[in-house]
C-alpha atoms as a PDB file:
ATOM      1  CA  MET A   1     -53.144 -38.532  49.207  1.00  0.00           C
ATOM      2  CA  ALA A   2     -49.927 -40.398  48.577  1.00  0.00           C
ATOM      3  CA  LYS A   3     -51.231 -41.466  45.204  1.00  0.00           C
ATOM      4  CA  GLU A   4     -52.054 -37.868  44.310  1.00  0.00           C
ATOM      5  CA  LYS A   5     -48.547 -36.738  45.286  1.00  0.00           C
ATOM      6  CA  LYS A   6     -47.060 -39.517  43.168  1.00  0.00           C
ATOM      7  CA  LYS A   7     -49.204 -38.535  40.179  1.00  0.00           C
ATOM      8  CA  LYS A   8     -48.283 -34.897  40.650  1.00  0.00           C
ATOM      9  CA  LYS A   9     -44.545 -35.744  40.799  1.00  0.00           C
ATOM     10  CA  ILE A  10     -44.833 -37.851  37.644  1.00  0.00           C
ATOM     11  CA  GLN A  11     -46.674 -35.050  35.847  1.00  0.00           C
ATOM     12  CA  ASP A  12     -44.105 -32.499  37.059  1.00  0.00           C
ATOM     13  CA  LYS A  13     -41.274 -34.685  35.783  1.00  0.00           C
ATOM     14  CA  LYS A  14     -42.975 -35.067  32.409  1.00  0.00           C
ATOM     15  CA  THR A  15     -43.633 -31.363  32.042  1.00  0.00           C
ATOM     16  CA  HIS A  16     -40.216 -30.506  33.390  1.00  0.00           C
ATOM     17  CA  SER A  17     -38.338 -32.845  31.065  1.00  0.00           C
ATOM     18  CA  THR A  18     -40.340 -31.987  27.961  1.00  0.00           C
ATOM     19  CA  GLY A  19     -41.273 -28.481  29.037  1.00  0.00           C
ATOM     20  CA  TRP A  20     -38.592 -26.613  27.179  1.00  0.00           C
ATOM     21  CA  MET A  21     -39.183 -28.798  24.098  1.00  0.00           C
ATOM     22  CA  SER A  22     -42.886 -28.059  24.037  1.00  0.00           C
ATOM     23  CA  GLU A  23     -42.258 -24.377  24.721  1.00  0.00           C
ATOM     24  CA  LEU A  24     -39.801 -24.253  21.849  1.00  0.00           C
ATOM     25  CA  ARG A  25     -42.181 -26.122  19.586  1.00  0.00           C
ATOM     26  CA  TYR A  26     -45.062 -23.779  20.310  1.00  0.00           C
ATOM     27  CA  GLY A  27     -42.855 -20.687  20.235  1.00  0.00           C
ATOM     28  CA  ARG A  28     -43.320 -19.741  23.888  1.00  0.00           C
ATOM     29  CA  SER A  29     -39.613 -19.756  24.831  1.00  0.00           C
ATOM     30  CA  VAL A  30     -38.728 -17.393  21.999  1.00  0.00           C
ATOM     31  CA  SER A  31     -40.918 -14.482  22.884  1.00  0.00           C
ATOM     32  CA  LEU A  32     -41.048 -10.931  21.672  1.00  0.00           C
ATOM     33  CA  GLU A  33     -39.080  -9.861  24.743  1.00  0.00           C
ATOM     34  CA  PHE A  34     -36.255 -12.174  23.713  1.00  0.00           C
ATOM     35  CA  PHE A  35     -36.060 -10.491  20.324  1.00  0.00           C
ATOM     36  CA  LYS A  36     -36.222  -7.034  21.892  1.00  0.00           C
ATOM     37  CA  THR A  37     -33.386  -7.734  24.303  1.00  0.00           C
ATOM     38  CA  HIS A  38     -31.163  -9.569  21.824  1.00  0.00           C
ATOM     39  CA  ALA A  39     -31.919  -7.615  18.652  1.00  0.00           C
ATOM     40  CA  TRP A  40     -28.461  -6.031  18.468  1.00  0.00           C
ATOM     41  CA  LEU A  41     -26.827  -9.459  18.777  1.00  0.00           C
ATOM     42  CA  MET A  42     -29.018 -10.867  16.006  1.00  0.00           C
ATOM     43  CA  VAL A  43     -28.253  -7.915  13.736  1.00  0.00           C
ATOM     44  CA  ILE A  44     -24.521  -8.396  14.297  1.00  0.00           C
ATOM     45  CA  PHE A  45     -24.870 -12.114  13.593  1.00  0.00           C
ATOM     46  CA  VAL A  46     -26.826 -11.543  10.369  1.00  0.00           C
ATOM     47  CA  VAL A  47     -24.362  -8.886   9.179  1.00  0.00           C
ATOM     48  CA  ALA A  48     -21.437 -11.210   9.946  1.00  0.00           C
ATOM     49  CA  VAL A  49     -23.007 -14.081   8.011  1.00  0.00           C
ATOM     50  CA  ILE A  50     -23.799 -11.858   5.019  1.00  0.00           C
ATOM     51  CA  SER A  51     -20.287 -10.393   4.994  1.00  0.00           C
ATOM     52  CA  LEU A  52     -18.750 -13.876   5.140  1.00  0.00           C
ATOM     53  CA  MET A  53     -20.891 -14.919   2.183  1.00  0.00           C
ATOM     54  CA  GLY A  54     -19.735 -11.822   0.314  1.00  0.00           C
ATOM     55  CA  LEU A  55     -16.093 -12.595   1.072  1.00  0.00           C
ATOM     56  CA  ARG A  56     -16.530 -16.136  -0.175  1.00  0.00           C
ATOM     57  CA  TYR A  57     -18.103 -14.904  -3.417  1.00  0.00           C
ATOM     58  CA  LYS A  58     -15.347 -12.335  -3.868  1.00  0.00           C
ATOM     59  CA  THR A  59     -12.682 -14.977  -3.267  1.00  0.00           C
ATOM     60  CA  LYS A  60     -14.218 -17.377  -5.787  1.00  0.00           C
ATOM     61  CA  THR A  61     -14.410 -14.612  -8.411  1.00  0.00           C
ATOM     62  CA  LYS A  62     -10.781 -13.670  -7.837  1.00  0.00           C
ATOM     63  CA  MET A  63      -9.710 -17.329  -8.048  1.00  0.00           C
ATOM     64  CA  SER A  64     -11.456 -17.774 -11.405  1.00  0.00           C
ATOM     65  CA  GLU A  65      -9.845 -14.560 -12.644  1.00  0.00           C
ATOM     66  CA  ILE A  66      -6.434 -15.828 -11.518  1.00  0.00           C
ATOM     67  CA  LYS A  67      -6.973 -19.112 -13.396  1.00  0.00           C
ATOM     68  CA  GLN A  68      -7.976 -17.237 -16.547  1.00  0.00           C
ATOM     69  CA  LEU A  69      -4.963 -14.928 -16.340  1.00  0.00           C
ATOM     70  CA  THR A  70      -2.639 -17.882 -15.728  1.00  0.00           C
ATOM     71  CA  LYS A  71      -3.891 -19.573 -18.893  1.00  0.00           C
ATOM     72  CA  GLU A  72      -3.450 -16.337 -20.843  1.00  0.00           C
ATOM     73  CA  LEU A  73       0.078 -15.932 -19.466  1.00  0.00           C
ATOM     74  CA  GLN A  74       1.032 -19.449 -20.586  1.00  0.00           C
ATOM     75  CA  ARG A  75      -0.339 -18.759 -24.068  1.00  0.00           C
ATOM     76  CA  VAL A  76       1.562 -15.471 -24.343  1.00  0.00           C
ATOM     77  CA  GLU A  77       4.790 -17.086 -23.124  1.00  0.00           C
ATOM     78  CA  SER A  78       4.401 -19.764 -25.785  1.00  0.00           C
ATOM     79  CA  GLU A  79       3.904 -17.087 -28.455  1.00  0.00           C
ATOM     80  CA  LYS A  80       6.981 -15.272 -27.148  1.00  0.00           C
ATOM     81  CA  LEU A  81       9.111 -18.391 -27.529  1.00  0.00           C
ATOM     82  CA  GLN A  82       7.850 -18.908 -31.088  1.00  0.00           C
ATOM     83  CA  GLU A  83       8.641 -15.306 -32.016  1.00  0.00           C
ATOM     84  CA  LYS A  84      12.078 -15.586 -30.452  1.00  0.00           C
ATOM     85  CA  ALA A  85      12.774 -18.723 -32.489  1.00  0.00           C
ATOM     86  CA  ARG A  86      11.688 -16.934 -35.691  1.00  0.00           C
ATOM     87  CA  TYR A  87      13.858 -13.939 -34.844  1.00  0.00           C
ATOM     88  CA  MET A  88      16.906 -16.100 -34.150  1.00  0.00           C
ATOM     89  CA  SER A  89      16.333 -17.923 -37.430  1.00  0.00           C
ATOM     90  CA  LEU A  90      16.235 -14.608 -39.325  1.00  0.00           C
ATOM     91  CA  ILE A  91      19.421 -13.442 -37.613  1.00  0.00           C
ATOM     92  CA  ARG A  92      21.207 -16.662 -38.550  1.00  0.00           C
ATOM     93  CA  GLU A  93      19.980 -16.383 -42.138  1.00  0.00           C
ATOM     94  CA  THR A  94      21.099 -12.748 -42.397  1.00  0.00           C
ATOM     95  CA  GLU A  95      24.521 -13.603 -40.959  1.00  0.00           C
ATOM     96  CA  MET A  96      24.885 -16.468 -43.415  1.00  0.00           C
ATOM     97  CA  ARG A  97      24.015 -14.203 -46.380  1.00  0.00           C
ATOM     98  CA  LYS A  98      26.498 -11.609 -45.148  1.00  0.00           C
ATOM     99  CA  MET A  99      29.253 -14.224 -44.868  1.00  0.00           C
ATOM    100  CA  VAL A 100      28.476 -15.584 -48.351  1.00  0.00           C
ATOM    101  CA  ALA A 101      28.682 -12.057 -49.783  1.00  0.00           C
ATOM    102  CA  GLU A 102      31.976 -11.339 -47.954  1.00  0.00           C
ATOM    103  CA  LYS A 103      33.614 -14.566 -49.138  1.00  0.00           C
ATOM    104  CA  GLY A 104      32.504 -13.976 -52.698  1.00  0.00           C
ATOM    105  CA  LEU A 105      30.708 -17.309 -52.979  1.00  0.00           C
ATOM    106  CA  ASP A 106      28.134 -17.446 -55.676  1.00  0.00           C
ATOM    107  CA  LEU A 107      25.362 -19.034 -53.602  1.00  0.00           C
ATOM    108  CA  GLN A 108      21.687 -18.174 -53.891  1.00  0.00           C
ATOM    109  CA  TYR A 109      18.941 -18.585 -51.350  1.00  0.00           C
ATOM    110  CA  GLN A 110      16.199 -20.847 -52.662  1.00  0.00           C
ATOM    111  CA  ASP A 111      12.637 -19.901 -51.925  1.00  0.00           C
ATOM    112  CA  GLN A 112      11.399 -23.376 -52.772  1.00  0.00           C
ATOM    113  CA  PRO A 113      12.637 -26.673 -51.380  1.00  0.00           C
ATOM    114  CA  PRO A 114      14.762 -28.840 -53.672  1.00  0.00           C
ATOM    115  CA  TYR A 115      13.021 -31.137 -56.161  1.00  0.00           C
ATOM    116  CA  GLU A 116      13.300 -34.873 -55.793  1.00  0.00           C
ATOM    117  CA  LEU A 117      14.065 -36.700 -59.035  1.00  0.00           C
ATOM    118  CA  THR A 118      12.899 -40.255 -59.330  1.00  0.00           C
ATOM    119  CA  GLU A 119      13.756 -42.835 -61.962  1.00  0.00           C
ATOM    120  CA  GLU A 120      10.934 -44.718 -63.547  1.00  0.00           C
END
């Protein structure tokens, strides 16, 4: 009788310690009743996960758009500086021509650069 009690205690300990593991493995602990009672919680959880995934996707798309627009802005600013330099050059050239005309100097603007003469 004592041996039977000992065996029973050992078996109870084994089933008790691994009981929830075996129930989980065979799907007994997660029954249909569990899903019925916690369905609203699962739906909220799934919706939250899907919305977080959507936010992450939206954020990544916006970040790539920001990078693209930043590159475009740098390119346009560079073009603006080049145009400003051309404009300032034209203003200086016009002012110089006006001053030459006012002073009565007989200077001409050359379209071609000066020739280099070499001795052979």
